[in-house]
Each structure stands twice: as C-alpha cells, then as structure tokens.
Protein backbone atom coordinates (compact mmCIF):
# COMPACT_ATOMS: atom_id res chain seq x y z
CA MET A 1 70.28 -23.88 -34.94
CA SER A 2 69.71 -27.49 -35.83
CA PHE A 3 68.63 -29.92 -33.15
CA GLN A 4 69.98 -33.37 -33.99
CA ARG A 5 69.32 -35.24 -30.73
CA ILE A 6 66.01 -34.65 -29.00
CA LEU A 7 65.30 -36.03 -25.51
CA VAL A 8 61.69 -36.37 -24.39
CA PRO A 9 61.05 -37.58 -20.84
CA ILE A 10 57.84 -39.64 -20.84
CA ASP A 11 55.79 -40.38 -17.74
CA PHE A 12 52.74 -41.29 -19.85
CA SER A 13 50.81 -38.25 -18.59
CA ASN A 14 48.91 -36.11 -21.10
CA ASP A 15 51.58 -33.43 -20.69
CA SER A 16 54.47 -35.73 -21.56
CA LEU A 17 52.58 -37.25 -24.49
CA ASN A 18 51.90 -33.71 -25.71
CA ALA A 19 55.66 -33.01 -25.54
CA PHE A 20 56.24 -36.22 -27.51
CA GLN A 21 53.82 -35.00 -30.18
CA VAL A 22 55.58 -31.63 -30.35
CA ALA A 23 58.89 -33.45 -30.90
CA LEU A 24 57.31 -35.44 -33.73
CA ASP A 25 55.68 -32.42 -35.35
CA ARG A 26 58.59 -30.01 -35.12
CA PHE A 27 61.82 -31.96 -35.02
CA ALA A 28 61.50 -35.31 -36.81
CA GLY A 29 63.98 -35.64 -39.63
CA PRO A 30 66.15 -38.24 -41.33
CA GLU A 31 69.26 -36.88 -39.58
CA HIS A 32 67.67 -36.56 -36.12
CA THR A 33 67.61 -38.95 -33.18
CA LEU A 34 64.74 -39.13 -30.70
CA VAL A 35 65.55 -40.31 -27.17
CA LEU A 36 62.56 -41.31 -25.04
CA LEU A 37 63.23 -41.63 -21.32
CA HIS A 38 61.04 -42.90 -18.53
CA VAL A 39 62.29 -42.37 -14.98
CA VAL A 40 61.15 -44.65 -12.20
CA ASP A 41 61.25 -42.68 -8.98
CA PRO A 42 62.50 -44.99 -6.17
CA ALA A 43 60.22 -43.09 -3.79
CA GLY A 44 57.20 -43.65 -6.05
CA PRO A 45 54.38 -46.03 -5.15
CA GLU A 46 55.34 -48.64 -7.76
CA MET A 47 58.74 -49.05 -6.09
CA GLN A 48 57.12 -49.77 -2.73
CA GLN A 49 55.86 -53.10 -4.10
CA PRO A 50 57.53 -56.48 -3.47
CA PRO A 51 60.54 -57.10 -5.76
CA GLU A 52 58.76 -59.50 -8.14
CA ILE A 53 55.89 -57.03 -8.69
CA ARG A 54 58.32 -54.13 -8.99
CA SER A 55 60.24 -56.02 -11.67
CA LYS A 56 57.06 -56.70 -13.64
CA LEU A 57 56.04 -53.03 -13.39
CA VAL A 58 59.42 -51.87 -14.71
CA ASP A 59 59.26 -54.44 -17.54
CA ASP A 60 55.78 -53.16 -18.42
CA LEU A 61 57.03 -49.56 -18.48
CA ARG A 62 59.91 -50.60 -20.73
CA ARG A 63 57.44 -52.30 -23.13
CA ARG A 64 55.10 -49.30 -23.14
CA LEU A 65 57.97 -46.91 -23.90
CA THR A 66 59.35 -49.13 -26.65
CA THR A 67 55.88 -49.47 -28.18
CA LEU A 68 55.45 -45.70 -28.10
CA GLY A 69 58.82 -45.16 -29.76
CA ASN A 70 58.24 -47.84 -32.40
CA SER A 71 54.82 -46.43 -33.22
CA ARG A 72 56.36 -43.20 -34.50
CA LYS A 73 59.90 -44.10 -35.57
CA ASP A 74 59.26 -43.12 -39.20
CA GLY A 75 60.92 -39.84 -39.98
CA TRP A 76 63.73 -40.28 -37.46
CA LYS A 77 67.26 -41.55 -38.06
CA GLU A 78 66.99 -43.45 -34.78
CA VAL A 79 64.64 -43.78 -31.81
CA VAL A 80 66.26 -44.72 -28.50
CA THR A 81 64.18 -45.76 -25.47
CA THR A 82 65.48 -46.10 -21.95
CA VAL A 83 64.05 -46.64 -18.48
CA GLU A 84 66.16 -45.46 -15.55
CA SER A 85 65.66 -45.31 -11.81
CA GLY A 86 66.39 -42.30 -9.65
CA LYS A 87 65.32 -38.76 -8.91
CA PRO A 88 63.60 -37.66 -12.14
CA SER A 89 65.33 -34.30 -12.57
CA ASP A 90 68.78 -35.82 -11.92
CA ILE A 91 68.20 -38.69 -14.35
CA ILE A 92 66.85 -36.38 -17.08
CA ILE A 93 69.87 -34.09 -16.71
CA SER A 94 72.38 -36.95 -16.75
CA THR A 95 70.66 -38.63 -19.71
CA ALA A 96 70.64 -35.36 -21.66
CA LYS A 97 74.38 -35.05 -21.07
CA ASN A 98 75.17 -38.74 -21.74
CA GLU A 99 73.09 -38.75 -24.94
CA SER A 100 74.53 -35.39 -26.07
CA ALA A 101 71.02 -34.01 -26.42
CA ASP A 102 70.70 -30.69 -28.24
CA MET A 103 67.14 -30.23 -27.00
CA VAL A 104 64.98 -31.55 -24.18
CA ILE A 105 61.23 -31.27 -24.70
CA MET A 106 59.11 -31.57 -21.56
CA GLY A 107 55.55 -31.09 -20.54
CA SER A 108 54.80 -28.71 -17.70
CA HIS A 109 53.01 -29.79 -14.57
CA GLY A 110 51.46 -27.22 -12.27
CA SER A 111 52.87 -27.83 -8.82
CA SER A 112 53.24 -25.86 -5.65
CA GLY A 113 55.51 -23.03 -4.64
CA ILE A 114 55.81 -19.57 -6.13
CA SER A 115 58.66 -20.49 -8.51
CA LYS A 116 56.76 -23.53 -9.67
CA VAL A 117 53.38 -21.99 -10.44
CA LEU A 118 53.89 -22.37 -14.18
CA PHE A 119 56.22 -25.38 -14.24
CA GLY A 120 56.45 -28.57 -12.21
CA SER A 121 59.44 -28.96 -9.93
CA THR A 122 61.11 -31.52 -12.20
CA THR A 123 60.63 -29.34 -15.28
CA TYR A 124 61.85 -26.29 -13.37
CA ASP A 125 65.00 -28.08 -12.13
CA VAL A 126 65.84 -29.46 -15.56
CA ALA A 127 65.34 -26.13 -17.34
CA ARG A 128 67.44 -24.33 -14.75
CA LYS A 129 70.36 -26.79 -14.67
CA LEU A 130 70.80 -27.95 -18.28
CA THR A 131 73.00 -26.08 -20.72
CA CYS A 132 71.26 -27.44 -23.82
CA SER A 133 67.97 -25.98 -25.08
CA VAL A 134 64.86 -26.94 -23.14
CA MET A 135 61.38 -26.59 -24.61
CA ILE A 136 58.55 -26.61 -22.09
CA CYS A 137 55.22 -27.43 -23.65
CA LYS A 138 52.11 -25.85 -22.31
CA ARG A 139 49.79 -28.13 -20.35
CA ALA A 140 47.77 -30.33 -22.68
CA THR A 141 44.08 -29.50 -22.63
CA LYS A 142 41.67 -32.19 -21.60
C-alpha cells in the first residue's frame, strides 16, 4: 500500500517530533504530501490568556510549525501546515478526513486509565476512530 498523504500532528513535544522524523525517514517521496497540524486546545493554558496575548501565541505556533515544515520540505511533493483550535482528537480526525490522509503518524503519550497505559488519550481516540492507517510511534527516549 502506498501512502500519498501523511498527517503528523505536532505539539512540539519530543514524541511528536519523533513522529515527524519517522514520517521523514519512511514516507518522504516526490509524489507524497506531508500535512503538519498543530491543535490549540481551547481549554489549554495558552487560551486562558487575554485576547492580544492569545493571538500572539497562536501566531508564534503558526510560525514554528511553518519553520518546521520548511526545514524538511525537500523530498516531498508538498508540505502543508495548519493550526486549528478545538479538542485535539476531534481536530486530528476531521483534518485527516478533510485532507484525505492515507496515514496519520502520532507519538504516544503515557496517560492514565487502563486503556491508555500505552497510548495517550488523544492518540487512543484517533487510532480508534479513524478509518485510515494510524502509526503510533514509541515514546522518544530522552
């Protein structure tokens, strides 16, 4: 199976940057598109800031994501970057569908709960609900 459109959610953690590296190492190709997505959680601490600070934080995230994508765009047909706001698992799922992703590559985050011992809740929800392939990368070592 050929994976033409790869979605990598990036939260700038070591785990998500490891997933980004896996995408580069295993799936880059002149016919393939890389979609980098950062989700701003409205319940997150950055969204509790005054509007002018919140706007600057989102602009900074957009710049960081674009810089990351531009730094490794060689080898890809196209690199798309997007910053969205909402519940992370819902936004990842909707972006995967809207972008017609063949594969989503995510880092795993140890969380709580018996079903989430190996995978974070967002990763678990995405893997369970998406119909496209989902690759969950083992926690990056420090």
